[in-house]
């Protein structure tokens, strides 16, 4: 009797192994199919982009020409110009004061 029970257990184990192998095989096939789909998708995108060029509009492209953005960019540009003017004035004035100081030292008028 024990021999028959052992044989049944072995058969059951084999059945379970086969079922697990089938499930793993199905999962592997599905993953391979998904991989192929991604490859095909990438190839199609490459071909389409090659012939059409970049026509995709991003959110940055959409807002680039808006009035708000233009105003903001103008303000930034004005601030930069004002900052440049202030800095050049400071440099000029500092050069003049250095020259005056140098002349005073040369002439012997030190304070």
N, C-alpha and C. Protein backbone atom coordinates (compact mmCIF):
# COMPACT_ATOMS: atom_id res chain seq x y z
N UNK A 1 0.82 -1.21 0.00
CA UNK A 1 0.00 0.00 0.00
C UNK A 1 0.84 1.25 0.00
N UNK A 2 1.93 1.21 0.75
CA UNK A 2 2.75 2.41 0.85
C UNK A 2 3.40 2.74 -0.49
N UNK A 3 3.67 1.70 -1.29
CA UNK A 3 4.26 1.92 -2.62
C UNK A 3 3.30 2.67 -3.53
N UNK A 4 2.01 2.34 -3.42
CA UNK A 4 0.99 3.01 -4.25
C UNK A 4 0.85 4.47 -3.83
N UNK A 5 0.85 4.71 -2.51
CA UNK A 5 0.74 6.08 -2.01
C UNK A 5 1.94 6.92 -2.46
N UNK A 6 3.12 6.32 -2.41
CA UNK A 6 4.33 7.04 -2.85
C UNK A 6 4.25 7.39 -4.33
N UNK A 7 3.74 6.45 -5.12
CA UNK A 7 3.62 6.69 -6.56
C UNK A 7 2.64 7.83 -6.83
N UNK A 8 1.52 7.84 -6.08
CA UNK A 8 0.53 8.92 -6.24
C UNK A 8 1.15 10.27 -5.87
N UNK A 9 1.94 10.30 -4.79
CA UNK A 9 2.59 11.55 -4.35
C UNK A 9 3.56 12.04 -5.43
N UNK A 10 4.30 11.09 -6.02
CA UNK A 10 5.26 11.48 -7.06
C UNK A 10 4.52 12.08 -8.26
N UNK A 11 3.42 11.42 -8.66
CA UNK A 11 2.63 11.94 -9.78
C UNK A 11 2.09 13.33 -9.48
N UNK A 12 1.60 13.51 -8.27
CA UNK A 12 1.07 14.82 -7.87
C UNK A 12 2.16 15.89 -7.92
N UNK A 13 3.37 15.51 -7.43
CA UNK A 13 4.50 16.45 -7.47
C UNK A 13 4.85 16.82 -8.90
N UNK A 14 4.87 15.80 -9.78
CA UNK A 14 5.19 16.06 -11.19
C UNK A 14 4.14 16.98 -11.82
N UNK A 15 2.86 16.71 -11.50
CA UNK A 15 1.78 17.55 -12.01
C UNK A 15 1.97 19.00 -11.58
N UNK A 16 2.27 19.20 -10.28
CA UNK A 16 2.49 20.56 -9.76
C UNK A 16 3.67 21.22 -10.46
N UNK A 17 4.76 20.46 -10.65
CA UNK A 17 5.94 21.02 -11.33
C UNK A 17 5.58 21.46 -12.75
N UNK A 18 4.83 20.59 -13.47
CA UNK A 18 4.43 20.93 -14.84
C UNK A 18 3.55 22.16 -14.87
N UNK A 19 2.62 22.25 -13.92
CA UNK A 19 1.74 23.42 -13.88
C UNK A 19 2.55 24.69 -13.63
N UNK A 20 3.48 24.61 -12.68
CA UNK A 20 4.33 25.77 -12.38
C UNK A 20 5.16 26.14 -13.61
N UNK A 21 5.70 25.13 -14.31
CA UNK A 21 6.49 25.39 -15.51
C UNK A 21 5.64 26.05 -16.58
N UNK A 22 4.41 25.57 -16.75
CA UNK A 22 3.51 26.18 -17.73
C UNK A 22 3.25 27.63 -17.41
N UNK A 23 2.95 27.90 -16.13
CA UNK A 23 2.68 29.29 -15.71
C UNK A 23 3.89 30.18 -15.96
N UNK A 24 5.09 29.68 -15.60
CA UNK A 24 6.30 30.46 -15.82
C UNK A 24 6.55 30.69 -17.31
N UNK A 25 6.28 29.68 -18.13
CA UNK A 25 6.45 29.81 -19.58
C UNK A 25 5.50 30.86 -20.14
N UNK A 26 4.26 30.84 -19.67
CA UNK A 26 3.27 31.83 -20.13
C UNK A 26 3.72 33.24 -19.74
N UNK A 27 4.19 33.41 -18.51
CA UNK A 27 4.66 34.72 -18.05
C UNK A 27 5.85 35.18 -18.90
N UNK A 28 6.79 34.28 -19.18
CA UNK A 28 7.95 34.62 -20.00
C UNK A 28 7.51 35.05 -21.40
N UNK A 29 6.56 34.33 -21.98
CA UNK A 29 6.07 34.68 -23.33
C UNK A 29 5.42 36.06 -23.33
N UNK A 30 4.63 36.32 -22.30
CA UNK A 30 3.98 37.63 -22.21
C UNK A 30 5.03 38.75 -22.12
N UNK A 31 6.06 38.54 -21.30
CA UNK A 31 7.11 39.54 -21.17
C UNK A 31 7.86 39.75 -22.49
N UNK A 32 8.11 38.67 -23.21
CA UNK A 32 8.78 38.77 -24.51
C UNK A 32 7.90 39.56 -25.49
N UNK A 33 6.60 39.27 -25.49
CA UNK A 33 5.68 40.00 -26.37
C UNK A 33 5.67 41.49 -26.05
N UNK A 34 5.66 41.83 -24.77
CA UNK A 34 5.69 43.25 -24.36
C UNK A 34 6.98 43.90 -24.85
N UNK A 35 8.10 43.18 -24.71
CA UNK A 35 9.38 43.70 -25.20
C UNK A 35 9.34 43.97 -26.69
N UNK A 36 8.78 43.03 -27.47
CA UNK A 36 8.67 43.23 -28.91
C UNK A 36 7.78 44.42 -29.24
N UNK A 37 6.70 44.58 -28.50
CA UNK A 37 5.81 45.72 -28.74
C UNK A 37 6.55 47.04 -28.54
N UNK A 38 7.36 47.11 -27.47
CA UNK A 38 8.12 48.33 -27.23
C UNK A 38 9.14 48.57 -28.34
N UNK A 39 9.79 47.51 -28.81
CA UNK A 39 10.75 47.67 -29.90
C UNK A 39 10.06 48.17 -31.17
N UNK A 40 8.92 47.59 -31.49
CA UNK A 40 8.17 48.00 -32.68
C UNK A 40 7.73 49.46 -32.54
N UNK A 41 7.26 49.80 -31.36
CA UNK A 41 6.82 51.18 -31.09
C UNK A 41 7.97 52.17 -31.29
N UNK A 42 9.14 51.81 -30.76
CA UNK A 42 10.30 52.70 -30.89
C UNK A 42 10.71 52.84 -32.36
N UNK A 43 10.65 51.74 -33.09
CA UNK A 43 11.02 51.79 -34.51
C UNK A 43 10.04 52.66 -35.29
N UNK A 44 8.77 52.52 -35.01
CA UNK A 44 7.76 53.33 -35.69
C UNK A 44 7.96 54.81 -35.38
N UNK A 45 8.23 55.13 -34.11
CA UNK A 45 8.48 56.53 -33.74
C UNK A 45 9.70 57.07 -34.47
N UNK A 46 10.75 56.27 -34.57
CA UNK A 46 11.96 56.72 -35.24
C UNK A 46 11.69 57.02 -36.71
N UNK A 47 10.94 56.15 -37.37
CA UNK A 47 10.64 56.35 -38.79
C UNK A 47 9.75 57.57 -38.97
N UNK A 48 8.74 57.70 -38.13
CA UNK A 48 7.82 58.83 -38.25
C UNK A 48 8.55 60.14 -38.00
N UNK A 49 9.39 60.18 -36.98
CA UNK A 49 10.13 61.40 -36.67
C UNK A 49 11.13 61.74 -37.78
N UNK A 50 11.67 60.73 -38.42
CA UNK A 50 12.64 60.97 -39.49
C UNK A 50 11.98 61.70 -40.65
N UNK A 51 10.75 61.36 -40.97
CA UNK A 51 10.08 61.95 -42.11
C UNK A 51 9.31 63.22 -41.78
N UNK A 52 8.83 63.35 -40.57
CA UNK A 52 7.99 64.51 -40.26
C UNK A 52 8.75 65.62 -39.56
N UNK A 53 9.76 65.31 -38.75
CA UNK A 53 10.47 66.33 -38.00
C UNK A 53 9.78 66.59 -36.68
N UNK A 54 10.36 67.44 -35.87
CA UNK A 54 9.79 67.68 -34.53
C UNK A 54 8.57 68.60 -34.58
N UNK A 55 7.39 67.99 -34.56
CA UNK A 55 6.16 68.78 -34.57
C UNK A 55 5.44 68.71 -33.24
N UNK A 56 6.04 68.06 -32.26
CA UNK A 56 5.40 67.92 -30.96
C UNK A 56 5.53 69.24 -30.21
N UNK A 57 4.40 69.75 -29.73
CA UNK A 57 4.44 71.00 -28.97
C UNK A 57 4.44 70.68 -27.49
N UNK A 58 5.37 71.25 -26.81
CA UNK A 58 5.43 71.04 -25.37
C UNK A 58 4.76 72.21 -24.68
N UNK A 59 4.58 72.10 -23.39
CA UNK A 59 3.96 73.19 -22.64
C UNK A 59 4.84 74.42 -22.68
N UNK A 60 6.16 74.23 -22.74
CA UNK A 60 7.07 75.37 -22.82
C UNK A 60 6.87 76.12 -24.13
N UNK A 61 6.64 75.40 -25.23
CA UNK A 61 6.40 76.03 -26.52
C UNK A 61 5.10 76.83 -26.50
N UNK A 62 4.11 76.29 -25.84
CA UNK A 62 2.81 76.96 -25.81
C UNK A 62 2.87 78.27 -25.03
N UNK A 63 3.63 78.31 -23.96
CA UNK A 63 3.68 79.51 -23.12
C UNK A 63 4.74 80.50 -23.59
N UNK A 64 5.58 80.09 -24.55
CA UNK A 64 6.69 80.95 -24.96
C UNK A 64 6.19 82.26 -25.57
N UNK A 65 5.08 82.24 -26.27
CA UNK A 65 4.61 83.44 -26.94
C UNK A 65 3.49 84.15 -26.21
N UNK A 66 3.17 83.77 -25.01
CA UNK A 66 2.06 84.38 -24.31
C UNK A 66 2.43 85.79 -23.86
N UNK A 67 1.46 86.70 -23.74
CA UNK A 67 1.74 88.08 -23.35
C UNK A 67 2.40 88.19 -21.97
N UNK A 68 1.98 87.34 -21.04
CA UNK A 68 2.58 87.38 -19.70
C UNK A 68 4.07 87.10 -19.77
N UNK A 69 4.42 86.09 -20.54
CA UNK A 69 5.83 85.71 -20.66
C UNK A 69 6.63 86.84 -21.30
N UNK A 70 6.06 87.44 -22.33
CA UNK A 70 6.76 88.54 -23.01
C UNK A 70 7.01 89.70 -22.06
N UNK A 71 5.99 90.04 -21.26
CA UNK A 71 6.15 91.13 -20.30
C UNK A 71 7.23 90.81 -19.29
N UNK A 72 7.20 89.59 -18.79
CA UNK A 72 8.18 89.18 -17.79
C UNK A 72 9.60 89.24 -18.37
N UNK A 73 9.75 88.79 -19.61
CA UNK A 73 11.07 88.83 -20.23
C UNK A 73 11.54 90.26 -20.47
N UNK A 74 10.61 91.15 -20.82
CA UNK A 74 10.97 92.55 -21.01
C UNK A 74 11.43 93.17 -19.70
N UNK A 75 10.73 92.87 -18.62
CA UNK A 75 11.12 93.40 -17.31
C UNK A 75 12.51 92.90 -16.92
N UNK A 76 12.76 91.64 -17.15
CA UNK A 76 14.09 91.09 -16.84
C UNK A 76 15.16 91.81 -17.63
N UNK A 77 14.89 92.04 -18.92
CA UNK A 77 15.86 92.70 -19.78
C UNK A 77 16.11 94.13 -19.29
N UNK A 78 15.06 94.82 -18.90
CA UNK A 78 15.21 96.19 -18.39
C UNK A 78 16.05 96.20 -17.12
N UNK A 79 15.79 95.26 -16.22
CA UNK A 79 16.56 95.18 -14.98
C UNK A 79 18.03 94.94 -15.28
N UNK A 80 18.32 94.07 -16.25
CA UNK A 80 19.70 93.80 -16.61
C UNK A 80 20.37 95.06 -17.13
N UNK A 81 19.66 95.80 -17.98
CA UNK A 81 20.23 97.03 -18.54
C UNK A 81 20.51 98.05 -17.44
N UNK A 82 19.57 98.21 -16.53
CA UNK A 82 19.74 99.16 -15.42
C UNK A 82 20.93 98.74 -14.57
N UNK A 83 21.05 97.47 -14.29
CA UNK A 83 22.15 96.96 -13.48
C UNK A 83 23.49 97.22 -14.18
N UNK A 84 23.53 97.00 -15.50
CA UNK A 84 24.76 97.26 -16.25
C UNK A 84 25.13 98.74 -16.18
N UNK A 85 24.15 99.61 -16.35
CA UNK A 85 24.41 101.05 -16.31
C UNK A 85 24.95 101.47 -14.95
N UNK A 86 24.35 100.96 -13.89
CA UNK A 86 24.81 101.30 -12.54
C UNK A 86 26.24 100.84 -12.33
N UNK A 87 26.54 99.65 -12.76
CA UNK A 87 27.89 99.11 -12.56
C UNK A 87 28.92 99.89 -13.36
N UNK A 88 28.58 100.28 -14.58
CA UNK A 88 29.55 101.05 -15.38
C UNK A 88 29.78 102.41 -14.76
N UNK A 89 28.75 103.04 -14.21
CA UNK A 89 28.90 104.35 -13.54
C UNK A 89 29.84 104.22 -12.36
N UNK A 90 29.65 103.17 -11.56
CA UNK A 90 30.50 102.97 -10.40
C UNK A 90 31.95 102.80 -10.81
N UNK A 91 32.18 102.04 -11.87
CA UNK A 91 33.54 101.83 -12.33
C UNK A 91 34.17 103.13 -12.79
N UNK A 92 33.40 103.94 -13.54
CA UNK A 92 33.93 105.20 -14.03
C UNK A 92 34.27 106.12 -12.87
N UNK A 93 33.34 106.23 -11.94
CA UNK A 93 33.57 107.13 -10.81
C UNK A 93 34.76 106.66 -9.96
N UNK A 94 34.90 105.38 -9.82
CA UNK A 94 36.01 104.89 -9.02
C UNK A 94 37.34 105.15 -9.73
N UNK A 95 37.36 105.07 -11.05
CA UNK A 95 38.58 105.38 -11.79
C UNK A 95 38.95 106.85 -11.63
N UNK A 96 37.94 107.72 -11.69
CA UNK A 96 38.20 109.16 -11.54
C UNK A 96 38.74 109.47 -10.17
N UNK A 97 38.10 108.87 -9.16
CA UNK A 97 38.56 109.16 -7.80
C UNK A 97 39.98 108.64 -7.57
N UNK A 98 40.31 107.52 -8.17
CA UNK A 98 41.67 106.98 -8.06
C UNK A 98 42.66 107.92 -8.73
N UNK A 99 42.28 108.44 -9.90
CA UNK A 99 43.18 109.37 -10.60
C UNK A 99 43.40 110.63 -9.78
N UNK A 100 42.30 111.16 -9.21
CA UNK A 100 42.42 112.35 -8.38
C UNK A 100 43.32 112.09 -7.19
N UNK A 101 43.14 110.98 -6.54
CA UNK A 101 43.92 110.63 -5.36
C UNK A 101 45.40 110.48 -5.75
N UNK A 102 45.64 109.87 -6.91
CA UNK A 102 47.01 109.68 -7.38
C UNK A 102 47.68 111.03 -7.66
N UNK A 103 46.91 111.96 -8.26
CA UNK A 103 47.46 113.30 -8.54
C UNK A 103 47.78 114.03 -7.25
N UNK A 104 46.87 113.91 -6.24
CA UNK A 104 47.11 114.59 -4.95
C UNK A 104 48.39 114.06 -4.32
N UNK A 105 48.56 112.76 -4.38
CA UNK A 105 49.76 112.16 -3.77
C UNK A 105 51.00 112.64 -4.52
N UNK A 106 50.92 112.74 -5.85
CA UNK A 106 52.05 113.20 -6.64
C UNK A 106 52.41 114.64 -6.28
N UNK A 107 51.39 115.46 -6.15
CA UNK A 107 51.61 116.89 -5.86
C UNK A 107 51.96 117.13 -4.39
N UNK A 108 51.79 116.14 -3.58
CA UNK A 108 52.12 116.28 -2.17
C UNK A 108 50.95 116.73 -1.32
N UNK A 109 49.76 116.74 -1.85
CA UNK A 109 48.55 117.13 -1.11
C UNK A 109 47.89 115.89 -0.53
N UNK A 110 48.38 115.39 0.56
CA UNK A 110 47.76 114.21 1.18
C UNK A 110 46.87 114.64 2.33
N UNK A 111 45.81 113.96 2.54
CA UNK A 111 44.86 114.32 3.60
C UNK A 111 44.83 113.28 4.68
